[in-house]
Amino acid sequence: MSSPGIRSTTRSGTAGSAARWGRFLAQRVLRVVVVSVVLITATFVTVRLVPGDPAEKAIGMQTDRSAEDQAATLAQAKRDLHLDRSLPVQYLESLTAAATFDFGRSFQTNQQVTSIIGDRLGSTVRLAAGGTIVMLIVGVPLGVLTGALTNGRRRWLDVTFSGFSGFVGSIPPYVLAVIGVFFFAYTWSIFPRIPEGSLLDDVLPSLSLGIGPAFLLARVVRVETLDVLQQDYVRTARSKWLPWTHLYGRDVLPNVLTSALTIGGVLFASLLGGAVVVEGIFGRNGLGTTLINAVQLGDYPVVTAISLLFGFMVVAANTVVDVLLAALDPRTLVAS
C-alpha cells in the first residue's frame, strides 16, 4: 500500500510533465505561425519580382488586334485575375488564401489550384519520402560503422571517409540523376527509361536525391559516435565485454539518433529543393515540374501555392523532429 506522500509526489510529477509539454507545444505552434507568416510574405514578394506581366501571358498578346482592343482586353484580364488591386490588398488576399489554402484558379488553365496540386502531390511525396528513407538507412548505419572502425585507429580510413563523403555530399542531385539515368537506365537497362507508374520508378530518383544528404548525415553521425564511445558509461560497458549488438544497439545508437534527427530535419529542406530538378530529369509529373512551368508562365496562384506548400512541408518536418527529440530526451522540455 503506497503512502499519501508517494501518491502526491507522483501526481505533482505528472502535472509538472504535462505543464512542460503544454509549454513546449505552445511554443512550437507559435513558432509555426510566425514562420508561416514570414514564408507567406517572402513568397508574395518573390513571386511578384518575376519578370513579365502574368495578365499578358494569360491572354496572349495578338498582333492582329488594335492597340486599343489589346489594352481593353489586358485591363479586363487584370480585373479578372485581381491584379488591378493594390499590393496591400493582394497581400491580405494571399494571407487569407494561405489560411484556407484556397488560391483560386490557375491563370493559364483556369483549373483550380488545389486540383492541380492534388493531381501532382503524390509523385513528389513519394520522391521526398524515398530520398528521406535512403538518407536515413544509408547515413545512420554508415556513420555508426565508420565511427566504430575509426575509434582511435585506422587513420587512413578516417581520412578516406572524410574526403569521399565530402565529395559525394557536394554533388548536386541533378548530377547524380543524370549519371544514374545514363548508366542504370540507358547503358545497363536496370531501371525503366520512361516512368510507368510502378514503385520501381521511385528507386533511381530516390537514390539520386538521397545519396548526397546520406553521406553528409554519415559524417555527423560518425563524429557523434566517436563522442559517445568516449563517454564513461560506454567504456564501462565495453570493459564488461558485452556483445557489440548490446553496446551499439542500446548504448550508442539511441544517443546518436538525436543528432541524426536534428541534422536530418535540416537536410529535408535540401531534399525538397533537389526534388524540383530531379523530377524534370526523370520525367515525373510532380510539383517540381509544375512549379518550374508556372514560374516561366507567370502563373501567380500556382507558384504561390506550391512554394508555400514546400515551405510548410519543411516547417512541419522540423516540428515533428522537435517533438520526437523531446520524446527521446525529456531534458529538452526543460531547456525549451
Protein backbone atom coordinates (compact mmCIF):
# COMPACT_ATOMS: atom_id res chain seq x y z
CA MET A 1 0.00 0.00 0.00
CA SER A 2 1.55 3.28 -1.07
CA SER A 3 1.58 6.25 1.25
CA PRO A 4 -0.26 9.52 0.53
CA GLY A 5 3.09 11.28 0.22
CA ILE A 6 4.18 8.99 -2.62
CA ARG A 7 0.86 9.43 -4.44
CA SER A 8 1.08 13.22 -4.02
CA THR A 9 4.62 13.26 -5.41
CA THR A 10 3.56 11.13 -8.37
CA ARG A 11 0.62 13.41 -9.15
CA SER A 12 2.78 16.54 -8.91
CA GLY A 13 5.41 14.97 -11.16
CA THR A 14 2.78 14.04 -13.74
CA ALA A 15 1.28 17.53 -13.58
CA GLY A 16 4.71 19.10 -13.96
CA SER A 17 5.46 16.94 -17.00
CA ALA A 18 2.11 17.83 -18.58
CA ALA A 19 2.77 21.53 -17.96
CA ARG A 20 6.20 21.30 -19.59
CA TRP A 21 4.71 19.51 -22.60
CA GLY A 22 1.99 22.16 -22.80
CA ARG A 23 4.55 24.99 -22.84
CA PHE A 24 6.66 23.11 -25.35
CA LEU A 25 3.78 22.51 -27.75
CA ALA A 26 2.53 26.09 -27.37
CA GLN A 27 5.99 27.41 -28.26
CA ARG A 28 6.15 25.16 -31.33
CA VAL A 29 2.68 26.25 -32.50
CA LEU A 30 3.64 29.92 -32.08
CA ARG A 31 6.87 29.29 -33.98
CA VAL A 32 4.98 27.61 -36.82
CA VAL A 33 2.60 30.59 -37.06
CA VAL A 34 5.44 33.14 -37.13
CA VAL A 35 7.47 31.18 -39.66
CA SER A 36 4.38 30.70 -41.82
CA VAL A 37 3.67 34.44 -41.93
CA VAL A 38 7.29 35.15 -42.84
CA LEU A 39 7.13 32.44 -45.51
CA ILE A 40 3.92 33.87 -46.98
CA THR A 41 5.43 37.36 -47.07
CA ALA A 42 8.65 36.18 -48.71
CA THR A 43 6.72 34.17 -51.29
CA PHE A 44 4.42 37.12 -52.05
CA VAL A 45 7.37 39.44 -52.66
CA THR A 46 9.46 36.92 -54.61
CA VAL A 47 6.65 35.88 -56.95
CA ARG A 48 6.00 39.50 -57.92
CA LEU A 49 9.64 40.06 -58.74
CA VAL A 50 9.43 37.52 -61.58
CA PRO A 51 9.83 39.42 -64.89
CA GLY A 52 6.83 39.74 -67.16
CA ASP A 53 3.16 40.60 -66.82
CA PRO A 54 1.14 37.50 -65.92
CA ALA A 55 -2.00 39.04 -67.42
CA GLU A 56 -0.28 39.33 -70.81
CA LYS A 57 0.91 35.74 -70.57
CA ALA A 58 -2.57 34.57 -69.57
CA ILE A 59 -4.42 36.15 -72.54
CA GLY A 60 -1.61 36.16 -75.10
CA MET A 61 -0.96 39.43 -76.96
CA GLN A 62 -2.24 39.05 -80.52
CA THR A 63 -0.54 41.16 -83.18
CA ASP A 64 -3.61 41.25 -85.47
CA ARG A 65 -5.63 43.27 -82.99
CA SER A 66 -5.55 47.02 -82.47
CA ALA A 67 -3.70 48.57 -79.57
CA GLU A 68 -7.00 49.76 -78.06
CA ASP A 69 -8.52 46.28 -78.14
CA GLN A 70 -5.42 44.76 -76.62
CA ALA A 71 -5.35 47.39 -73.87
CA ALA A 72 -9.03 46.78 -73.06
CA THR A 73 -8.55 43.00 -73.02
CA LEU A 74 -5.47 43.34 -70.83
CA ALA A 75 -7.31 45.61 -68.38
CA GLN A 76 -10.20 43.14 -68.18
CA ALA A 77 -7.77 40.26 -67.60
CA LYS A 78 -6.12 42.15 -64.75
CA ARG A 79 -9.53 42.73 -63.16
CA ASP A 80 -10.44 39.06 -63.55
CA LEU A 81 -7.10 38.00 -62.03
CA HIS A 82 -7.31 40.63 -59.25
CA LEU A 83 -4.03 42.15 -60.45
CA ASP A 84 -5.58 45.61 -60.64
CA ARG A 85 -5.78 45.81 -56.85
CA SER A 86 -3.14 47.45 -54.68
CA LEU A 87 -0.29 45.37 -53.31
CA PRO A 88 -1.51 45.59 -49.68
CA VAL A 89 -4.91 44.23 -50.77
CA GLN A 90 -3.22 41.46 -52.76
CA TYR A 91 -1.07 40.65 -49.73
CA LEU A 92 -4.13 40.34 -47.46
CA GLU A 93 -5.73 38.10 -50.06
CA SER A 94 -2.57 35.96 -50.02
CA LEU A 95 -2.80 35.61 -46.23
CA THR A 96 -6.44 34.58 -46.50
CA ALA A 97 -5.68 32.15 -49.30
CA ALA A 98 -2.83 30.57 -47.33
CA ALA A 99 -5.01 30.24 -44.20
CA THR A 100 -7.74 28.44 -46.16
CA PHE A 101 -5.42 27.00 -48.81
CA ASP A 102 -7.76 28.31 -51.49
CA PHE A 103 -5.66 30.01 -54.16
CA GLY A 104 -8.37 30.22 -56.77
CA ARG A 105 -7.72 29.20 -60.35
CA SER A 106 -4.62 28.97 -62.50
CA PHE A 107 -4.03 31.97 -64.78
CA GLN A 108 -3.14 29.64 -67.63
CA THR A 109 -5.51 26.66 -67.44
CA ASN A 110 -8.34 28.12 -65.33
CA GLN A 111 -8.17 24.92 -63.29
CA GLN A 112 -8.49 25.01 -59.51
CA VAL A 113 -5.01 25.30 -57.99
CA THR A 114 -5.90 22.78 -55.27
CA SER A 115 -6.90 20.33 -58.00
CA ILE A 116 -3.56 20.82 -59.78
CA ILE A 117 -1.68 20.20 -56.53
CA GLY A 118 -3.81 17.18 -55.69
CA ASP A 119 -3.02 15.57 -59.04
CA ARG A 120 0.74 16.00 -58.64
CA LEU A 121 1.34 15.86 -54.90
CA GLY A 122 1.57 12.07 -54.72
CA SER A 123 4.57 11.85 -57.05
CA THR A 124 6.51 14.49 -55.11
CA VAL A 125 5.65 12.99 -51.72
CA ARG A 126 6.84 9.56 -52.87
CA LEU A 127 10.08 11.06 -54.14
CA ALA A 128 10.72 13.06 -50.95
CA ALA A 129 9.86 10.05 -48.78
CA GLY A 130 12.13 7.81 -50.83
CA GLY A 131 15.00 10.28 -50.59
CA THR A 132 14.50 10.57 -46.83
CA ILE A 133 14.50 6.79 -46.41
CA VAL A 134 17.71 6.50 -48.44
CA MET A 135 19.30 9.26 -46.38
CA LEU A 136 18.46 7.56 -43.07
CA ILE A 137 19.10 3.90 -43.90
CA VAL A 138 22.42 4.75 -45.55
CA GLY A 139 23.62 7.68 -43.46
CA VAL A 140 22.99 6.44 -39.92
CA PRO A 141 24.45 2.89 -40.20
CA LEU A 142 27.37 4.14 -42.31
CA GLY A 143 28.20 6.85 -39.78
CA VAL A 144 28.00 4.49 -36.80
CA LEU A 145 30.07 1.82 -38.57
CA THR A 146 32.76 4.27 -39.63
CA GLY A 147 32.86 5.78 -36.15
CA ALA A 148 33.32 2.31 -34.62
CA LEU A 149 36.08 1.41 -37.08
CA THR A 150 37.98 4.69 -36.67
CA ASN A 151 37.75 4.96 -32.89
CA GLY A 152 41.37 5.80 -32.14
CA ARG A 153 42.74 3.70 -35.02
CA ARG A 154 42.76 3.31 -38.81
CA ARG A 155 43.75 6.87 -39.58
CA TRP A 156 43.73 6.08 -43.30
CA LEU A 157 40.06 5.09 -43.13
CA ASP A 158 39.24 8.29 -41.28
CA VAL A 159 40.88 10.46 -43.94
CA THR A 160 39.42 8.43 -46.82
CA PHE A 161 35.90 8.54 -45.45
CA SER A 162 36.03 12.27 -44.71
CA GLY A 163 37.25 13.08 -48.21
CA PHE A 164 34.91 10.72 -50.03
CA SER A 165 31.81 11.66 -48.03
CA GLY A 166 32.54 15.34 -48.51
CA PHE A 167 32.94 14.82 -52.25
CA VAL A 168 29.73 12.79 -52.68
CA GLY A 169 27.79 15.13 -50.40
CA SER A 170 28.77 18.14 -52.52
CA ILE A 171 27.49 16.63 -55.80
CA PRO A 172 24.15 18.23 -56.76
CA PRO A 173 21.21 15.80 -57.01
CA TYR A 174 20.65 16.57 -60.68
CA VAL A 175 24.20 15.47 -61.50
CA LEU A 176 23.67 12.17 -59.69
CA ALA A 177 20.34 11.84 -61.51
CA VAL A 178 21.96 12.30 -64.92
CA ILE A 179 24.70 9.79 -64.05
CA GLY A 180 22.12 7.32 -62.77
CA VAL A 181 19.95 7.63 -65.87
CA PHE A 182 22.93 7.18 -68.19
CA PHE A 183 24.30 4.06 -66.52
CA PHE A 184 21.34 2.32 -64.87
CA ALA A 185 18.61 3.18 -67.37
CA TYR A 186 20.29 3.55 -70.78
CA THR A 187 23.56 1.62 -70.53
CA TRP A 188 22.61 -1.33 -68.32
CA SER A 189 18.77 -1.08 -68.56
CA ILE A 190 18.32 -1.98 -64.90
CA PHE A 191 15.61 0.63 -64.40
CA PRO A 192 12.96 1.75 -66.90
CA ARG A 193 13.77 4.74 -69.10
CA ILE A 194 10.19 6.04 -69.15
CA PRO A 195 8.10 6.24 -65.94
CA GLU A 196 5.42 3.55 -65.89
CA GLY A 197 3.79 4.30 -62.53
CA SER A 198 5.33 1.39 -60.59
CA LEU A 199 7.39 1.54 -57.39
CA LEU A 200 10.43 0.64 -59.47
CA ASP A 201 10.22 4.13 -60.96
CA ASP A 202 10.89 5.61 -57.50
CA VAL A 203 14.14 3.74 -56.81
CA LEU A 204 16.57 5.61 -59.06
CA PRO A 205 15.14 9.11 -58.36
CA SER A 206 15.17 8.40 -54.61
CA LEU A 207 18.79 7.27 -54.75
CA SER A 208 19.76 10.34 -56.77
CA LEU A 209 18.04 12.57 -54.25
CA GLY A 210 19.10 10.87 -51.03
CA ILE A 211 22.69 9.69 -51.57
CA GLY A 212 24.29 13.12 -51.20
CA PRO A 213 22.48 14.02 -47.95
CA ALA A 214 23.12 10.46 -46.70
CA PHE A 215 26.89 10.98 -46.79
CA LEU A 216 26.56 14.39 -45.14
CA LEU A 217 24.46 12.78 -42.42
CA ALA A 218 27.02 9.97 -42.08
CA ARG A 219 29.77 12.50 -41.35
CA VAL A 220 27.74 13.99 -38.49
CA VAL A 221 26.75 10.58 -37.14
CA ARG A 222 30.38 9.42 -37.24
CA VAL A 223 31.50 12.39 -35.11
CA GLU A 224 28.68 11.81 -32.64
CA THR A 225 29.52 8.11 -32.48
CA LEU A 226 33.14 8.88 -31.63
CA ASP A 227 31.97 11.27 -28.92
CA VAL A 228 29.60 8.70 -27.41
CA LEU A 229 32.27 5.99 -27.46
CA GLN A 230 34.44 8.21 -25.24
CA GLN A 231 31.79 8.52 -22.54
CA ASP A 232 32.39 6.76 -19.22
CA TYR A 233 29.25 4.63 -19.32
CA VAL A 234 30.23 3.25 -22.74
CA ARG A 235 33.76 2.50 -21.53
CA THR A 236 32.27 0.67 -18.55
CA ALA A 237 30.01 -1.34 -20.83
CA ARG A 238 32.98 -2.24 -23.05
CA SER A 239 35.02 -3.31 -20.04
CA LYS A 240 32.30 -5.84 -19.21
CA TRP A 241 32.79 -7.47 -22.61
CA LEU A 242 29.15 -7.01 -23.52
CA PRO A 243 28.09 -8.13 -27.02
CA TRP A 244 28.57 -5.48 -29.67
CA THR A 245 24.87 -5.67 -30.51
CA HIS A 246 24.08 -4.64 -26.94
CA LEU A 247 26.77 -1.97 -26.85
CA TYR A 248 25.85 -0.21 -30.09
CA GLY A 249 22.16 -1.03 -30.14
CA ARG A 250 21.41 0.04 -26.56
CA ASP A 251 24.15 2.47 -25.55
CA VAL A 252 25.46 4.15 -28.71
CA LEU A 253 22.64 4.27 -31.26
CA PRO A 254 19.95 5.92 -29.05
CA ASN A 255 22.33 8.76 -28.19
CA VAL A 256 23.38 9.19 -31.82
CA LEU A 257 19.78 9.30 -33.08
CA THR A 258 19.12 12.69 -31.50
CA SER A 259 21.83 14.31 -33.61
CA ALA A 260 20.78 12.29 -36.65
CA LEU A 261 17.18 13.51 -36.33
CA THR A 262 18.31 17.11 -35.92
CA ILE A 263 20.52 17.19 -39.00
CA GLY A 264 18.01 15.03 -40.88
CA GLY A 265 15.35 17.69 -40.40
CA VAL A 266 17.70 20.31 -41.82
CA LEU A 267 18.64 18.12 -44.79
CA PHE A 268 14.96 17.50 -45.56
CA ALA A 269 14.77 21.04 -46.96
CA SER A 270 17.56 20.25 -49.41
CA LEU A 271 15.71 17.07 -50.42
CA LEU A 272 12.64 19.08 -51.42
CA GLY A 273 14.79 21.57 -53.29
CA GLY A 274 16.52 18.79 -55.17
CA ALA A 275 13.19 17.14 -55.96
CA VAL A 276 12.21 20.15 -58.09
CA VAL A 277 15.04 19.42 -60.57
CA VAL A 278 15.17 15.63 -60.23
CA GLU A 279 11.52 15.33 -61.23
CA GLY A 280 12.22 17.01 -64.55
CA ILE A 281 15.17 14.73 -65.31
CA PHE A 282 13.12 11.58 -64.73
CA GLY A 283 10.02 12.90 -66.46
CA ARG A 284 7.88 12.81 -63.34
CA ASN A 285 4.73 14.93 -63.41
CA GLY A 286 5.13 16.27 -59.89
CA LEU A 287 5.01 19.59 -58.10
CA GLY A 288 8.59 20.43 -59.10
CA THR A 289 7.98 20.42 -62.85
CA THR A 290 4.65 22.19 -62.30
CA LEU A 291 6.39 24.90 -60.29
CA ILE A 292 9.05 25.48 -62.95
CA ASN A 293 6.40 25.76 -65.69
CA ALA A 294 4.31 28.13 -63.57
CA VAL A 295 7.29 30.39 -62.93
CA GLN A 296 8.03 30.58 -66.65
CA LEU A 297 4.40 31.45 -67.42
CA GLY A 298 3.98 33.89 -64.53
CA ASP A 299 1.13 31.86 -63.02
CA TYR A 300 0.98 33.59 -59.60
CA PRO A 301 -1.59 31.32 -57.89
CA VAL A 302 0.22 28.09 -58.81
CA VAL A 303 3.67 29.44 -57.93
CA THR A 304 2.45 30.82 -54.61
CA ALA A 305 0.57 27.66 -53.64
CA ILE A 306 3.39 25.23 -54.45
CA SER A 307 6.07 27.42 -52.88
CA LEU A 308 4.06 27.73 -49.69
CA LEU A 309 3.35 24.00 -49.69
CA PHE A 310 7.07 23.22 -49.93
CA GLY A 311 7.74 25.67 -47.11
CA PHE A 312 5.00 24.23 -44.92
CA MET A 313 6.35 20.73 -45.50
CA VAL A 314 9.78 21.83 -44.24
CA VAL A 315 8.25 23.57 -41.23
CA ALA A 316 6.11 20.52 -40.45
CA ALA A 317 9.09 18.17 -40.77
CA ASN A 318 11.20 20.25 -38.37
CA THR A 319 8.30 20.48 -35.91
CA VAL A 320 7.91 16.70 -35.97
CA VAL A 321 11.66 16.36 -35.37
CA ASP A 322 11.42 18.69 -32.35
CA VAL A 323 8.59 16.61 -30.87
CA LEU A 324 10.48 13.36 -31.47
CA LEU A 325 13.60 14.79 -29.84
CA ALA A 326 11.55 15.88 -26.84
CA ALA A 327 10.07 12.39 -26.58
CA LEU A 328 13.52 10.76 -26.82
CA ASP A 329 15.22 13.22 -24.48
CA PRO A 330 12.80 14.90 -21.99
CA ARG A 331 15.59 17.23 -20.89
CA THR A 332 14.84 19.35 -23.96
CA LEU A 333 11.43 20.16 -22.44
CA VAL A 334 13.16 21.85 -19.53
CA ALA A 335 15.57 23.72 -21.79
CA SER A 336 12.84 24.99 -24.13
